[in-house]
Protein backbone atom coordinates (compact mmCIF):
# COMPACT_ATOMS: atom_id res chain seq x y z
CA MET A 1 12.79 4.06 109.58
CA TYR A 2 15.51 6.58 110.55
CA PRO A 3 14.08 9.64 111.95
CA ASP A 4 17.39 11.55 111.46
CA LEU A 5 17.33 10.88 107.54
CA PRO A 6 15.33 12.39 104.87
CA TYR A 7 12.04 10.42 104.37
CA SER A 8 9.65 10.18 101.46
CA GLN A 9 6.18 8.91 102.22
CA ALA A 10 5.49 8.45 98.62
CA CYS A 11 8.59 6.06 98.31
CA GLU A 12 7.07 4.15 101.21
CA ASN A 13 3.64 3.88 99.60
CA ASN A 14 4.89 2.81 96.25
CA LYS A 15 7.85 0.47 96.84
CA ALA A 16 5.92 -2.58 96.97
CA PRO A 17 3.91 -2.29 93.78
CA ILE A 18 7.00 -1.11 91.92
CA LEU A 19 8.93 -4.18 93.34
CA ALA A 20 6.21 -6.42 92.14
CA ILE A 21 7.00 -5.29 88.40
CA LEU A 22 10.70 -5.06 88.83
CA GLN A 23 10.78 -8.67 89.95
CA GLN A 24 9.65 -9.53 86.27
CA ALA A 25 11.59 -6.64 84.64
CA PHE A 26 14.74 -7.25 86.18
CA ALA A 27 14.63 -11.10 86.64
CA GLU A 28 17.53 -11.81 84.21
CA CYS A 29 19.62 -8.76 84.98
CA SER A 30 22.54 -8.70 87.33
CA ALA A 31 23.48 -5.10 87.77
CA ILE A 32 20.91 -2.26 87.94
CA LEU A 33 21.82 1.66 87.87
CA GLU A 34 19.27 3.84 89.59
CA ILE A 35 19.37 7.29 88.49
CA GLY A 36 17.94 9.93 91.06
CA SER A 37 17.95 7.65 94.21
CA GLY A 38 16.94 10.61 96.45
CA THR A 39 16.46 9.20 100.00
CA GLY A 40 17.64 5.85 99.08
CA GLN A 41 14.37 4.20 100.43
CA HIS A 42 13.75 2.48 97.08
CA ALA A 43 17.49 1.46 96.85
CA ALA A 44 17.46 -0.36 100.08
CA HIS A 45 14.06 -2.00 99.43
CA PHE A 46 14.86 -3.26 96.04
CA ALA A 47 18.20 -4.42 96.68
CA LYS A 48 16.93 -6.51 99.85
CA ASN A 49 14.36 -8.11 97.67
CA LEU A 50 16.37 -8.60 94.53
CA PRO A 51 19.40 -10.22 95.98
CA HIS A 52 20.31 -11.72 92.65
CA LEU A 53 21.48 -8.48 91.41
CA THR A 54 23.66 -5.41 92.47
CA TRP A 55 21.77 -2.10 92.88
CA GLN A 56 23.91 0.96 92.14
CA ALA A 57 22.32 4.11 93.52
CA SER A 58 23.33 7.54 92.31
CA ASP A 59 22.31 11.21 92.52
CA GLN A 60 23.39 14.65 92.50
CA GLN A 61 26.48 15.19 94.78
CA HIS A 62 24.58 17.31 97.46
CA TYR A 63 22.28 14.39 98.02
CA LEU A 64 24.99 11.99 98.61
CA PRO A 65 26.00 12.14 102.28
CA GLU A 66 22.55 11.30 103.70
CA LEU A 67 21.59 8.85 100.65
CA ASN A 68 24.79 6.86 101.49
CA GLU A 69 24.16 6.99 105.30
CA ARG A 70 20.91 5.00 104.56
CA LEU A 71 22.67 2.60 102.49
CA LYS A 72 25.33 2.21 104.82
CA ARG A 73 22.74 1.22 107.56
CA ALA A 74 20.90 -1.11 105.13
CA ALA A 75 24.15 -3.23 105.26
CA LEU A 76 23.44 -5.22 102.17
CA PRO A 77 26.16 -6.91 100.16
CA ASN A 78 24.52 -6.04 96.80
CA LEU A 79 24.00 -2.34 97.73
CA PRO A 80 27.21 -0.44 97.10
CA GLN A 81 27.59 3.15 97.94
CA ALA A 82 26.00 5.65 95.69
CA PHE A 83 27.95 7.80 93.38
CA SER A 84 27.47 11.42 92.10
CA PHE A 85 25.87 11.43 88.64
CA ASP A 86 25.01 14.50 86.41
CA VAL A 87 22.99 13.17 83.40
CA THR A 88 24.24 16.07 81.39
CA LYS A 89 27.94 15.05 81.66
CA GLN A 90 29.58 11.96 80.25
CA LEU A 91 30.30 9.17 82.95
CA MET A 92 33.04 6.69 82.42
CA LEU A 93 32.42 3.54 84.22
CA PRO A 94 34.51 0.32 84.35
CA ASN A 95 31.39 -1.89 83.53
CA ARG A 96 28.03 -1.28 82.06
CA PHE A 97 24.63 -2.18 83.69
CA ASP A 98 22.11 -4.45 82.07
CA GLY A 99 19.37 -2.49 83.79
CA LEU A 100 18.30 0.97 84.79
CA PHE A 101 15.46 2.26 87.07
CA THR A 102 14.57 5.93 87.71
CA ALA A 103 11.48 7.24 89.52
CA ASN A 104 9.86 10.49 89.69
CA THR A 105 12.54 12.18 87.79
CA LEU A 106 11.45 12.93 84.23
CA HIS A 107 8.91 15.87 85.36
CA ILE A 108 11.54 17.31 87.60
CA MET A 109 14.18 17.47 84.65
CA SER A 110 13.71 19.90 81.83
CA TRP A 111 13.08 18.32 78.47
CA PRO A 112 16.88 19.02 77.30
CA ILE A 113 18.03 17.27 80.47
CA VAL A 114 15.73 14.29 79.67
CA GLU A 115 17.27 13.98 76.25
CA SER A 116 20.49 14.18 77.79
CA MET A 117 19.78 11.31 80.15
CA PHE A 118 18.77 9.06 77.21
CA GLN A 119 21.78 10.07 75.26
CA ARG A 120 23.71 8.61 78.28
CA LEU A 121 22.21 5.19 77.79
CA ASP A 122 24.57 3.87 75.44
CA GLU A 123 27.51 4.73 77.76
CA LEU A 124 25.86 3.15 80.89
CA LEU A 125 23.97 0.19 79.53
CA THR A 126 24.61 -3.05 77.69
CA GLU A 127 23.16 -3.86 74.24
CA LYS A 128 20.23 -5.72 75.64
CA ALA A 129 19.45 -3.84 78.78
CA THR A 130 16.18 -3.16 80.35
CA LEU A 131 14.91 0.35 81.27
CA CYS A 132 12.09 0.99 83.85
CA ILE A 133 10.68 4.44 84.50
CA TYR A 134 8.19 5.29 87.07
CA GLY A 135 6.21 8.60 87.47
CA PRO A 136 3.21 10.43 86.10
CA PHE A 137 2.65 10.77 82.37
CA ASN A 138 0.19 12.47 80.17
CA TYR A 139 -1.45 10.76 77.15
CA ALA A 140 -2.07 12.54 73.84
CA GLY A 141 -1.41 15.79 75.67
CA HIS A 142 -4.11 15.11 78.40
CA PHE A 143 -3.80 14.48 82.04
CA THR A 144 -4.89 11.39 83.55
CA SER A 145 -6.53 12.92 86.49
CA ALA A 146 -7.21 16.17 88.23
CA SER A 147 -4.57 15.66 90.79
CA ASN A 148 -1.86 15.20 88.19
CA GLN A 149 -2.88 18.54 86.56
CA LEU A 150 -2.54 20.35 89.95
CA PHE A 151 0.64 18.66 90.31
CA ASP A 152 1.89 19.91 86.91
CA GLN A 153 0.90 23.45 87.78
CA SER A 154 2.72 23.24 91.20
CA LEU A 155 5.78 21.98 89.17
CA LYS A 156 5.56 24.83 86.50
CA SER A 157 5.23 27.40 89.30
CA ARG A 158 8.62 26.25 90.71
CA ASP A 159 10.32 25.99 87.36
CA PRO A 160 8.54 26.52 84.00
CA ALA A 161 10.90 23.73 82.46
CA MET A 162 9.38 21.03 84.94
CA GLY A 163 6.36 19.33 84.01
CA ILE A 164 4.40 16.10 83.54
CA ARG A 165 5.68 14.37 80.24
CA ASP A 166 3.77 12.99 77.27
CA ILE A 167 4.11 9.45 77.26
CA GLU A 168 4.50 9.70 73.26
CA GLN A 169 7.45 12.00 73.46
CA VAL A 170 9.20 9.57 75.94
CA VAL A 171 8.49 6.31 73.86
CA ALA A 172 9.71 8.22 70.71
CA LEU A 173 12.84 9.27 72.60
CA ALA A 174 13.49 5.70 73.78
CA LYS A 175 13.15 4.54 70.31
CA MET A 176 15.87 6.61 69.00
CA HIS A 177 18.14 4.87 71.54
CA ALA A 178 17.00 1.33 70.58
CA PHE A 179 14.53 0.72 73.37
CA GLN A 180 10.97 -0.46 72.56
CA LEU A 181 8.15 -0.17 75.17
CA HIS A 182 7.36 -3.63 76.31
CA GLU A 183 4.64 -2.74 78.73
CA ASP A 184 2.82 0.15 80.49
CA PHE A 185 1.57 -0.52 83.92
CA THR A 186 -1.00 1.27 85.82
CA MET A 187 0.34 2.28 89.25
CA PRO A 188 -1.13 3.62 92.53
CA ALA A 189 -1.74 7.43 92.93
CA ASN A 190 -2.23 8.10 89.03
CA ASN A 191 1.49 7.09 88.18
CA ARG A 192 2.62 4.61 85.58
CA LEU A 193 5.62 2.40 85.08
CA LEU A 194 6.98 2.06 81.62
CA TRP A 195 9.00 -1.15 81.02
CA PHE A 196 11.42 -0.72 77.86
CA LYS A 197 13.45 -3.57 76.37
CA ARG A 198 16.32 -3.39 73.89
């Protein structure tokens, strides 16, 4: 733990159960792109425990200095410095990734930006890529817990465009980009991990 760097207790709490699934989902992958790496706690933990792959962190420009400082201190050969990524803009990369991970981002983005993220997948990922999305989701328009409902109200008080997404909409959007839901995992604190395959 680095007291001079941003810290997320939620990341610390959920990194082990997420890793247990990523060890399966990314077993045959070699290069993962993480969208919305935040504090970098996930990136450092997953790269350390998945040494067979390269973990590429990314986030908005203003998060990069502290994010990259954490990655630098991790000093892992498979954890390069993070780059700036805005999902609403095209990103030209020399190579595509065969896996993508994002945690607690879809409810922060407006729905049009979620759609933009999925539209970027063809540019970013290989034809047989794996996609893992972690966070809270609603089912048939219903919250899975009272705490999620309160969280949704809190999000909307910050920005009406934010909010917990319906899993049916996310699955339908993924299908439009040739991703099929492979498994839907129950996670701690009323979250889910959605594992999609092409």
